[in-house]
Amino acid sequence: GGIGTTAQAMRAGRPMVIIPFVNDEFDNAARANRLGVSVTLKRSRLSPRTLADALRSVIDDPMVNSRAARLGALLAAEDGALTAAMALEDAVRQAR
């Protein structure tokens, strides 16, 4: 559920099961869940059975798969480095 792992799953256009442990992982899980591209499994409920059930629930749900694929396409089309550079240039121009 870390931001890097969550972002890579989103960019790949695949649904995910997030098991948050610490820090930002709880917020990342909540955001991915609101987007409809994941399910969250509480660490206290983690077992081979609950993990298998959670994986099945996202793999077998066509809506979750469709939302994940659409989000992946959007993220893959975005040029984050260019967007960040342009935002920095704008900030410098406005500061002058």
PDB file of N, CA and C in Angstrom:
ATOM      1  N   GLY A   1       0.780  -1.210   0.000  1.00  0.00           N
ATOM      2  CA  GLY A   1       0.000   0.000   0.000  1.00  0.00           C
ATOM      3  C   GLY A   1       0.822   1.275   0.000  1.00  0.00           C
ATOM      4  N   GLY A   2       2.141   1.154  -0.127  1.00  0.00           N
ATOM      5  CA  GLY A   2       2.947   2.369  -0.230  1.00  0.00           C
ATOM      6  C   GLY A   2       2.629   3.107  -1.520  1.00  0.00           C
ATOM      7  N   ILE A   3       2.977   4.368  -1.582  1.00  0.00           N
ATOM      8  CA  ILE A   3       2.613   5.180  -2.743  1.00  0.00           C
ATOM      9  C   ILE A   3       3.237   4.651  -4.031  1.00  0.00           C
ATOM     10  N   GLY A   4       4.466   4.152  -3.974  1.00  0.00           N
ATOM     11  CA  GLY A   4       5.100   3.637  -5.191  1.00  0.00           C
ATOM     12  C   GLY A   4       4.411   2.391  -5.718  1.00  0.00           C
ATOM     13  N   THR A   5       4.143   1.453  -4.843  1.00  0.00           N
ATOM     14  CA  THR A   5       3.468   0.213  -5.248  1.00  0.00           C
ATOM     15  C   THR A   5       2.063   0.497  -5.736  1.00  0.00           C
ATOM     16  N   THR A   6       1.349   1.351  -5.011  1.00  0.00           N
ATOM     17  CA  THR A   6      -0.015   1.699  -5.400  1.00  0.00           C
ATOM     18  C   THR A   6      -0.017   2.396  -6.756  1.00  0.00           C
ATOM     19  N   ALA A   7       0.891   3.335  -6.955  1.00  0.00           N
ATOM     20  CA  ALA A   7       0.967   4.057  -8.229  1.00  0.00           C
ATOM     21  C   ALA A   7       1.310   3.114  -9.382  1.00  0.00           C
ATOM     22  N   GLN A   8       2.216   2.174  -9.158  1.00  0.00           N
ATOM     23  CA  GLN A   8       2.586   1.241 -10.229  1.00  0.00           C
ATOM     24  C   GLN A   8       1.428   0.331 -10.607  1.00  0.00           C
ATOM     25  N   ALA A   9       0.671  -0.124  -9.624  1.00  0.00           N
ATOM     26  CA  ALA A   9      -0.511  -0.952  -9.924  1.00  0.00           C
ATOM     27  C   ALA A   9      -1.531  -0.134 -10.697  1.00  0.00           C
ATOM     28  N   MET A  10      -1.727   1.115 -10.291  1.00  0.00           N
ATOM     29  CA  MET A  10      -2.670   1.979 -11.005  1.00  0.00           C
ATOM     30  C   MET A  10      -2.202   2.223 -12.432  1.00  0.00           C
ATOM     31  N   ARG A  11      -0.923   2.525 -12.590  1.00  0.00           N
ATOM     32  CA  ARG A  11      -0.392   2.807 -13.932  1.00  0.00           C
ATOM     33  C   ARG A  11      -0.474   1.566 -14.822  1.00  0.00           C
ATOM     34  N   ALA A  12      -0.346   0.386 -14.226  1.00  0.00           N
ATOM     35  CA  ALA A  12      -0.454  -0.859 -14.992  1.00  0.00           C
ATOM     36  C   ALA A  12      -1.891  -1.161 -15.387  1.00  0.00           C
ATOM     37  N   GLY A  13      -2.838  -0.437 -14.772  1.00  0.00           N
ATOM     38  CA  GLY A  13      -4.240  -0.650 -15.118  1.00  0.00           C
ATOM     39  C   GLY A  13      -4.820  -1.922 -14.532  1.00  0.00           C
ATOM     40  N   ARG A  14      -4.267  -2.345 -13.418  1.00  0.00           N
ATOM     41  CA  ARG A  14      -4.712  -3.593 -12.787  1.00  0.00           C
ATOM     42  C   ARG A  14      -5.337  -3.292 -11.431  1.00  0.00           C
ATOM     43  N   PRO A  15      -6.382  -4.022 -11.079  1.00  0.00           N
ATOM     44  CA  PRO A  15      -6.953  -3.851  -9.740  1.00  0.00           C
ATOM     45  C   PRO A  15      -5.985  -4.394  -8.694  1.00  0.00           C
ATOM     46  N   MET A  16      -6.190  -3.989  -7.451  1.00  0.00           N
ATOM     47  CA  MET A  16      -5.240  -4.410  -6.423  1.00  0.00           C
ATOM     48  C   MET A  16      -5.927  -4.675  -5.098  1.00  0.00           C
ATOM     49  N   VAL A  17      -5.228  -5.433  -4.278  1.00  0.00           N
ATOM     50  CA  VAL A  17      -5.598  -5.643  -2.883  1.00  0.00           C
ATOM     51  C   VAL A  17      -4.520  -4.932  -2.075  1.00  0.00           C
ATOM     52  N   ILE A  18      -4.951  -4.023  -1.223  1.00  0.00           N
ATOM     53  CA  ILE A  18      -4.008  -3.268  -0.411  1.00  0.00           C
ATOM     54  C   ILE A  18      -4.150  -3.697   1.037  1.00  0.00           C
ATOM     55  N   ILE A  19      -3.021  -4.007   1.649  1.00  0.00           N
ATOM     56  CA  ILE A  19      -2.967  -4.384   3.065  1.00  0.00           C
ATOM     57  C   ILE A  19      -2.100  -3.343   3.760  1.00  0.00           C
ATOM     58  N   PRO A  20      -2.723  -2.256   4.232  1.00  0.00           N
ATOM     59  CA  PRO A  20      -1.924  -1.190   4.832  1.00  0.00           C
ATOM     60  C   PRO A  20      -1.317  -1.608   6.169  1.00  0.00           C
ATOM     61  N   PHE A  21      -0.065  -1.200   6.383  1.00  0.00           N
ATOM     62  CA  PHE A  21       0.643  -1.508   7.624  1.00  0.00           C
ATOM     63  C   PHE A  21       0.953  -0.229   8.406  1.00  0.00           C
ATOM     64  N   VAL A  22       1.496   0.810   7.737  1.00  0.00           N
ATOM     65  CA  VAL A  22       1.953   2.020   8.435  1.00  0.00           C
ATOM     66  C   VAL A  22       1.802   3.250   7.542  1.00  0.00           C
ATOM     67  N   ASN A  23       1.973   4.400   8.160  1.00  0.00           N
ATOM     68  CA  ASN A  23       2.140   5.696   7.500  1.00  0.00           C
ATOM     69  C   ASN A  23       1.060   5.999   6.466  1.00  0.00           C
ATOM     70  N   ASP A  24       1.481   6.324   5.240  1.00  0.00           N
ATOM     71  CA  ASP A  24       0.547   6.754   4.202  1.00  0.00           C
ATOM     72  C   ASP A  24      -0.271   5.619   3.600  1.00  0.00           C
ATOM     73  N   GLU A  25       0.031   4.398   3.944  1.00  0.00           N
ATOM     74  CA  GLU A  25      -0.623   3.252   3.315  1.00  0.00           C
ATOM     75  C   GLU A  25      -2.129   3.235   3.565  1.00  0.00           C
ATOM     76  N   PHE A  26      -2.568   3.713   4.726  1.00  0.00           N
ATOM     77  CA  PHE A  26      -3.994   3.738   5.028  1.00  0.00           C
ATOM     78  C   PHE A  26      -4.709   4.751   4.132  1.00  0.00           C
ATOM     79  N   ASP A  27      -4.085   5.915   3.927  1.00  0.00           N
ATOM     80  CA  ASP A  27      -4.655   6.926   3.054  1.00  0.00           C
ATOM     81  C   ASP A  27      -4.635   6.453   1.600  1.00  0.00           C
ATOM     82  N   ASN A  28      -3.537   5.835   1.179  1.00  0.00           N
ATOM     83  CA  ASN A  28      -3.457   5.312  -0.192  1.00  0.00           C
ATOM     84  C   ASN A  28      -4.547   4.276  -0.436  1.00  0.00           C
ATOM     85  N   ALA A  29      -4.750   3.400   0.537  1.00  0.00           N
ATOM     86  CA  ALA A  29      -5.777   2.365   0.408  1.00  0.00           C
ATOM     87  C   ALA A  29      -7.161   2.994   0.293  1.00  0.00           C
ATOM     88  N   ALA A  30      -7.433   3.989   1.114  1.00  0.00           N
ATOM     89  CA  ALA A  30      -8.740   4.648   1.079  1.00  0.00           C
ATOM     90  C   ALA A  30      -8.971   5.337  -0.266  1.00  0.00           C
ATOM     91  N   ARG A  31      -7.936   5.996  -0.783  1.00  0.00           N
ATOM     92  CA  ARG A  31      -8.074   6.689  -2.065  1.00  0.00           C
ATOM     93  C   ARG A  31      -8.284   5.705  -3.218  1.00  0.00           C
ATOM     94  N   ALA A  32      -7.521   4.625  -3.241  1.00  0.00           N
ATOM     95  CA  ALA A  32      -7.681   3.615  -4.301  1.00  0.00           C
ATOM     96  C   ALA A  32      -9.060   2.967  -4.207  1.00  0.00           C
ATOM     97  N   ASN A  33      -9.514   2.762  -2.995  1.00  0.00           N
ATOM     98  CA  ASN A  33     -10.844   2.180  -2.795  1.00  0.00           C
ATOM     99  C   ASN A  33     -11.916   3.130  -3.309  1.00  0.00           C
ATOM    100  N   ARG A  34     -11.781   4.429  -3.025  1.00  0.00           N
ATOM    101  CA  ARG A  34     -12.761   5.412  -3.522  1.00  0.00           C
ATOM    102  C   ARG A  34     -12.768   5.474  -5.041  1.00  0.00           C
ATOM    103  N   LEU A  35     -11.616   5.242  -5.651  1.00  0.00           N
ATOM    104  CA  LEU A  35     -11.548   5.205  -7.113  1.00  0.00           C
ATOM    105  C   LEU A  35     -12.172   3.927  -7.678  1.00  0.00           C
ATOM    106  N   GLY A  36     -12.405   2.963  -6.818  1.00  0.00           N
ATOM    107  CA  GLY A  36     -13.026   1.712  -7.249  1.00  0.00           C
ATOM    108  C   GLY A  36     -12.075   0.762  -7.937  1.00  0.00           C
ATOM    109  N   VAL A  37     -10.766   0.865  -7.615  1.00  0.00           N
ATOM    110  CA  VAL A  37      -9.775   0.012  -8.277  1.00  0.00           C
ATOM    111  C   VAL A  37      -9.104  -0.959  -7.312  1.00  0.00           C
ATOM    112  N   SER A  38      -9.615  -1.020  -6.081  1.00  0.00           N
ATOM    113  CA  SER A  38      -8.970  -1.890  -5.091  1.00  0.00           C
ATOM    114  C   SER A  38      -9.950  -2.299  -4.002  1.00  0.00           C
ATOM    115  N   VAL A  39      -9.513  -3.253  -3.226  1.00  0.00           N
ATOM    116  CA  VAL A  39     -10.147  -3.571  -1.951  1.00  0.00           C
ATOM    117  C   VAL A  39      -9.046  -3.515  -0.904  1.00  0.00           C
ATOM    118  N   THR A  40      -9.456  -3.196   0.311  1.00  0.00           N
ATOM    119  CA  THR A  40      -8.509  -3.115   1.412  1.00  0.00           C
ATOM    120  C   THR A  40      -8.744  -4.278   2.351  1.00  0.00           C
ATOM    121  N   LEU A  41      -7.662  -4.913   2.727  1.00  0.00           N
ATOM    122  CA  LEU A  41      -7.713  -6.016   3.682  1.00  0.00           C
ATOM    123  C   LEU A  41      -6.954  -5.587   4.924  1.00  0.00           C
ATOM    124  N   LYS A  42      -7.648  -5.571   6.048  1.00  0.00           N
ATOM    125  CA  LYS A  42      -6.991  -5.188   7.296  1.00  0.00           C
ATOM    126  C   LYS A  42      -5.938  -6.224   7.668  1.00  0.00           C
ATOM    127  N   ARG A  43      -4.828  -5.730   8.150  1.00  0.00           N
ATOM    128  CA  ARG A  43      -3.716  -6.611   8.546  1.00  0.00           C
ATOM    129  C   ARG A  43      -4.169  -7.638   9.584  1.00  0.00           C
ATOM    130  N   SER A  44      -5.034  -7.215  10.488  1.00  0.00           N
ATOM    131  CA  SER A  44      -5.510  -8.114  11.543  1.00  0.00           C
ATOM    132  C   SER A  44      -6.378  -9.249  10.997  1.00  0.00           C
ATOM    133  N   ARG A  45      -6.874  -9.081   9.769  1.00  0.00           N
ATOM    134  CA  ARG A  45      -7.714 -10.117   9.157  1.00  0.00           C
ATOM    135  C   ARG A  45      -6.965 -10.930   8.107  1.00  0.00           C
ATOM    136  N   LEU A  46      -5.688 -10.643   7.931  1.00  0.00           N
ATOM    137  CA  LEU A  46      -4.901 -11.295   6.896  1.00  0.00           C
ATOM    138  C   LEU A  46      -4.671 -12.767   7.195  1.00  0.00           C
ATOM    139  N   SER A  47      -5.042 -13.590   6.242  1.00  0.00           N
ATOM    140  CA  SER A  47      -4.784 -15.025   6.284  1.00  0.00           C
ATOM    141  C   SER A  47      -4.749 -15.494   4.832  1.00  0.00           C
ATOM    142  N   PRO A  48      -4.256 -16.684   4.572  1.00  0.00           N
ATOM    143  CA  PRO A  48      -4.277 -17.157   3.185  1.00  0.00           C
ATOM    144  C   PRO A  48      -5.687 -17.132   2.592  1.00  0.00           C
ATOM    145  N   ARG A  49      -6.663 -17.490   3.396  1.00  0.00           N
ATOM    146  CA  ARG A  49      -8.061 -17.533   2.917  1.00  0.00           C
ATOM    147  C   ARG A  49      -8.602 -16.132   2.617  1.00  0.00           C
ATOM    148  N   THR A  50      -8.391 -15.176   3.545  1.00  0.00           N
ATOM    149  CA  THR A  50      -8.932 -13.832   3.316  1.00  0.00           C
ATOM    150  C   THR A  50      -8.213 -13.142   2.163  1.00  0.00           C
ATOM    151  N   LEU A  51      -6.920 -13.412   2.010  1.00  0.00           N
ATOM    152  CA  LEU A  51      -6.188 -12.833   0.888  1.00  0.00           C
ATOM    153  C   LEU A  51      -6.685 -13.411  -0.433  1.00  0.00           C
ATOM    154  N   ALA A  52      -6.877 -14.715  -0.486  1.00  0.00           N
ATOM    155  CA  ALA A  52      -7.394 -15.352  -1.699  1.00  0.00           C
ATOM    156  C   ALA A  52      -8.782 -14.809  -2.034  1.00  0.00           C
ATOM    157  N   ASP A  53      -9.634 -14.646  -1.035  1.00  0.00           N
ATOM    158  CA  ASP A  53     -10.974 -14.099  -1.260  1.00  0.00           C
ATOM    159  C   ASP A  53     -10.912 -12.671  -1.786  1.00  0.00           C
ATOM    160  N   ALA A  54     -10.028 -11.864  -1.208  1.00  0.00           N
ATOM    161  CA  ALA A  54      -9.890 -10.470  -1.641  1.00  0.00           C
ATOM    162  C   ALA A  54      -9.376 -10.402  -3.078  1.00  0.00           C
ATOM    163  N   LEU A  55      -8.377 -11.216  -3.390  1.00  0.00           N
ATOM    164  CA  LEU A  55      -7.859 -11.254  -4.760  1.00  0.00           C
ATOM    165  C   LEU A  55      -8.937 -11.673  -5.749  1.00  0.00           C
ATOM    166  N   ARG A  56      -9.691 -12.697  -5.387  1.00  0.00           N
ATOM    167  CA  ARG A  56     -10.774 -13.149  -6.255  1.00  0.00           C
ATOM    168  C   ARG A  56     -11.805 -12.044  -6.473  1.00  0.00           C
ATOM    169  N   SER A  57     -12.087 -11.302  -5.412  1.00  0.00           N
ATOM    170  CA  SER A  57     -13.114 -10.265  -5.522  1.00  0.00           C
ATOM    171  C   SER A  57     -12.730  -9.174  -6.517  1.00  0.00           C
ATOM    172  N   VAL A  58     -11.454  -8.796  -6.594  1.00  0.00           N
ATOM    173  CA  VAL A  58     -11.065  -7.771  -7.569  1.00  0.00           C
ATOM    174  C   VAL A  58     -10.816  -8.363  -8.952  1.00  0.00           C
ATOM    175  N   ILE A  59     -10.299  -9.558  -9.001  1.00  0.00           N
ATOM    176  CA  ILE A  59     -10.026 -10.182 -10.303  1.00  0.00           C
ATOM    177  C   ILE A  59     -11.317 -10.518 -11.037  1.00  0.00           C
ATOM    178  N   ASP A  60     -12.321 -10.961 -10.294  1.00  0.00           N
ATOM    179  CA  ASP A  60     -13.574 -11.408 -10.905  1.00  0.00           C
ATOM    180  C   ASP A  60     -14.600 -10.302 -11.116  1.00  0.00           C
ATOM    181  N   ASP A  61     -14.320  -9.092 -10.679  1.00  0.00           N
ATOM    182  CA  ASP A  61     -15.288  -7.997 -10.807  1.00  0.00           C
ATOM    183  C   ASP A  61     -15.003  -7.190 -12.064  1.00  0.00           C
ATOM    184  N   PRO A  62     -15.872  -7.284 -13.075  1.00  0.00           N
ATOM    185  CA  PRO A  62     -15.606  -6.569 -14.326  1.00  0.00           C
ATOM    186  C   PRO A  62     -15.582  -5.048 -14.158  1.00  0.00           C
ATOM    187  N   MET A  63     -16.355  -4.516 -13.231  1.00  0.00           N
ATOM    188  CA  MET A  63     -16.360  -3.064 -13.022  1.00  0.00           C
ATOM    189  C   MET A  63     -15.026  -2.585 -12.443  1.00  0.00           C
ATOM    190  N   VAL A  64     -14.492  -3.330 -11.483  1.00  0.00           N
ATOM    191  CA  VAL A  64     -13.202  -2.967 -10.892  1.00  0.00           C
ATOM    192  C   VAL A  64     -12.117  -3.040 -11.967  1.00  0.00           C
ATOM    193  N   ASN A  65     -12.147  -4.079 -12.764  1.00  0.00           N
ATOM    194  CA  ASN A  65     -11.160  -4.225 -13.838  1.00  0.00           C
ATOM    195  C   ASN A  65     -11.286  -3.108 -14.865  1.00  0.00           C
ATOM    196  N   SER A  66     -12.508  -2.735 -15.207  1.00  0.00           N
ATOM    197  CA  SER A  66     -12.730  -1.665 -16.179  1.00  0.00           C
ATOM    198  C   SER A  66     -12.237  -0.326 -15.639  1.00  0.00           C
ATOM    199  N   ARG A  67     -12.566  -0.022 -14.384  1.00  0.00           N
ATOM    200  CA  ARG A  67     -12.098   1.240 -13.788  1.00  0.00           C
ATOM    201  C   ARG A  67     -10.573   1.268 -13.711  1.00  0.00           C
ATOM    202  N   ALA A  68      -9.972   0.150 -13.328  1.00  0.00           N
ATOM    203  CA  ALA A  68      -8.511   0.084 -13.228  1.00  0.00           C
ATOM    204  C   ALA A  68      -7.865   0.289 -14.599  1.00  0.00           C
ATOM    205  N   ALA A  69      -8.431  -0.331 -15.631  1.00  0.00           N
ATOM    206  CA  ALA A  69      -7.884  -0.179 -16.986  1.00  0.00           C
ATOM    207  C   ALA A  69      -7.993   1.265 -17.462  1.00  0.00           C
ATOM    208  N   ARG A  70      -9.140   1.908 -17.204  1.00  0.00           N
ATOM    209  CA  ARG A  70      -9.309   3.317 -17.610  1.00  0.00           C
ATOM    210  C   ARG A  70      -8.316   4.219 -16.877  1.00  0.00           C
ATOM    211  N   LEU A  71      -8.162   3.989 -15.573  1.00  0.00           N
ATOM    212  CA  LEU A  71      -7.216   4.787 -14.802  1.00  0.00           C
ATOM    213  C   LEU A  71      -5.790   4.558 -15.299  1.00  0.00           C
ATOM    214  N   GLY A  72      -5.446   3.319 -15.591  1.00  0.00           N
ATOM    215  CA  GLY A  72      -4.115   3.014 -16.109  1.00  0.00           C
ATOM    216  C   GLY A  72      -3.832   3.733 -17.410  1.00  0.00           C
ATOM    217  N   ALA A  73      -4.809   3.775 -18.302  1.00  0.00           N
ATOM    218  CA  ALA A  73      -4.635   4.463 -19.585  1.00  0.00           C
ATOM    219  C   ALA A  73      -4.422   5.960 -19.368  1.00  0.00           C
ATOM    220  N   LEU A  74      -5.179   6.546 -18.439  1.00  0.00           N
ATOM    221  CA  LEU A  74      -5.008   7.972 -18.135  1.00  0.00           C
ATOM    222  C   LEU A  74      -3.616   8.260 -17.583  1.00  0.00           C
ATOM    223  N   LEU A  75      -3.176   7.435 -16.657  1.00  0.00           N
ATOM    224  CA  LEU A  75      -1.864   7.644 -16.043  1.00  0.00           C
ATOM    225  C   LEU A  75      -0.727   7.403 -17.027  1.00  0.00           C
ATOM    226  N   ALA A  76      -0.877   6.407 -17.887  1.00  0.00           N
ATOM    227  CA  ALA A  76       0.171   6.109 -18.868  1.00  0.00           C
ATOM    228  C   ALA A  76       0.314   7.241 -19.884  1.00  0.00           C
ATOM    229  N   ALA A  77      -0.788   7.944 -20.142  1.00  0.00           N
ATOM    230  CA  ALA A  77      -0.757   9.029 -21.120  1.00  0.00           C
ATOM    231  C   ALA A  77      -0.192  10.316 -20.534  1.00  0.00           C
ATOM    232  N   GLU A  78      -0.111  10.384 -19.223  1.00  0.00           N
ATOM    233  CA  GLU A  78       0.361  11.604 -18.569  1.00  0.00           C
ATOM    234  C   GLU A  78       1.886  11.656 -18.556  1.00  0.00           C
ATOM    235  N   ASP A  79       2.421  12.823 -18.857  1.00  0.00           N
ATOM    236  CA  ASP A  79       3.861  13.038 -18.781  1.00  0.00           C
ATOM    237  C   ASP A  79       4.134  13.809 -17.501  1.00  0.00           C
ATOM    238  N   GLY A  80       4.321  13.077 -16.407  1.00  0.00           N
ATOM    239  CA  GLY A  80       4.483  13.685 -15.100  1.00  0.00           C
ATOM    240  C   GLY A  80       5.684  14.604 -14.996  1.00  0.00           C
ATOM    241  N   ALA A  81       6.789  14.227 -15.618  1.00  0.00           N
ATOM    242  CA  ALA A  81       7.997  15.056 -15.550  1.00  0.00           C
ATOM    243  C   ALA A  81       7.762  16.392 -16.253  1.00  0.00           C
ATOM    244  N   LEU A  82       7.132  16.356 -17.411  1.00  0.00           N
ATOM    245  CA  LEU A  82       6.847  17.593 -18.145  1.00  0.00           C
ATOM    246  C   LEU A  82       5.869  18.463 -17.361  1.00  0.00           C
ATOM    247  N   THR A  83       4.840  17.859 -16.817  1.00  0.00           N
ATOM    248  CA  THR A  83       3.853  18.605 -16.035  1.00  0.00           C
ATOM    249  C   THR A  83       4.515  19.265 -14.828  1.00  0.00           C
ATOM    250  N   ALA A  84       5.392  18.538 -14.137  1.00  0.00           N
ATOM    251  CA  ALA A  84       6.093  19.096 -12.976  1.00  0.00           C
ATOM    252  C   ALA A  84       7.013  20.236 -13.397  1.00  0.00           C
ATOM    253  N   ALA A  85       7.741  20.064 -14.490  1.00  0.00           N
ATOM    254  CA  ALA A  85       8.648  21.110 -14.966  1.00  0.00           C
ATOM    255  C   ALA A  85       7.868  22.377 -15.335  1.00  0.00           C
ATOM    256  N   MET A  86       6.740  22.215 -15.986  1.00  0.00           N
ATOM    257  CA  MET A  86       5.922  23.365 -16.364  1.00  0.00           C
ATOM    258  C   MET A  86       5.375  24.078 -15.123  1.00  0.00           C
ATOM    259  N   ALA A  87       4.973  23.311 -14.119  1.00  0.00           N
ATOM    260  CA  ALA A  87       4.470  23.910 -12.884  1.00  0.00           C
ATOM    261  C   ALA A  87       5.572  24.696 -12.178  1.00  0.00           C
ATOM    262  N   LEU A  88       6.791  24.153 -12.172  1.00  0.00           N
ATOM    263  CA  LEU A  88       7.917  24.866 -11.564  1.00  0.00           C
ATOM    264  C   LEU A  88       8.232  26.152 -12.318  1.00  0.00           C
ATOM    265  N   GLU A  89       8.210  26.075 -13.650  1.00  0.00           N
ATOM    266  CA  GLU A  89       8.465  27.271 -14.446  1.00  0.00           C
ATOM    267  C   GLU A  89       7.409  28.342 -14.168  1.00  0.00           C
ATOM    268  N   ASP A  90       6.158  27.937 -14.078  1.00  0.00           N
ATOM    269  CA  ASP A  90       5.070  28.875 -13.779  1.00  0.00           C
ATOM    270  C   ASP A  90       5.275  29.504 -12.404  1.00  0.00           C
ATOM    271  N   ALA A  91       5.669  28.707 -11.434  1.00  0.00           N
ATOM    272  CA  ALA A  91       5.883  29.228 -10.080  1.00  0.00           C
ATOM    273  C   ALA A  91       7.018  30.243 -10.050  1.00  0.00           C
ATOM    274  N   VAL A  92       8.077  29.971 -10.790  1.00  0.00           N
ATOM    275  CA  VAL A  92       9.216  30.899 -10.847  1.00  0.00           C
ATOM    276  C   VAL A  92       8.786  32.209 -11.524  1.00  0.00           C
ATOM    277  N   ARG A  93       8.032  32.081 -12.632  1.00  0.00           N
ATOM    278  CA  ARG A  93       7.556  33.281 -13.340  1.00  0.00           C
ATOM    279  C   ARG A  93       6.674  34.136 -12.433  1.00  0.00           C
ATOM    280  N   GLN A  94       5.801  33.506 -11.688  1.00  0.00           N
ATOM    281  CA  GLN A  94       4.887  34.244 -10.807  1.00  0.00           C
ATOM    282  C   GLN A  94       5.621  34.875  -9.634  1.00  0.00           C
ATOM    283  N   ALA A  95       6.709  34.271  -9.196  1.00  0.00           N
ATOM    284  CA  ALA A  95       7.481  34.803  -8.073  1.00  0.00           C
ATOM    285  C   ALA A  95       8.273  36.034  -8.465  1.00  0.00           C
ATOM    286  N   ARG A  96       8.514  36.232  -9.718  1.00  0.00           N
ATOM    287  CA  ARG A  96       9.327  37.368 -10.188  1.00  0.00           C
ATOM    288  C   ARG A  96       8.553  38.649 -10.190  1.00  0.00           C
TER     289      ARG A  96
END
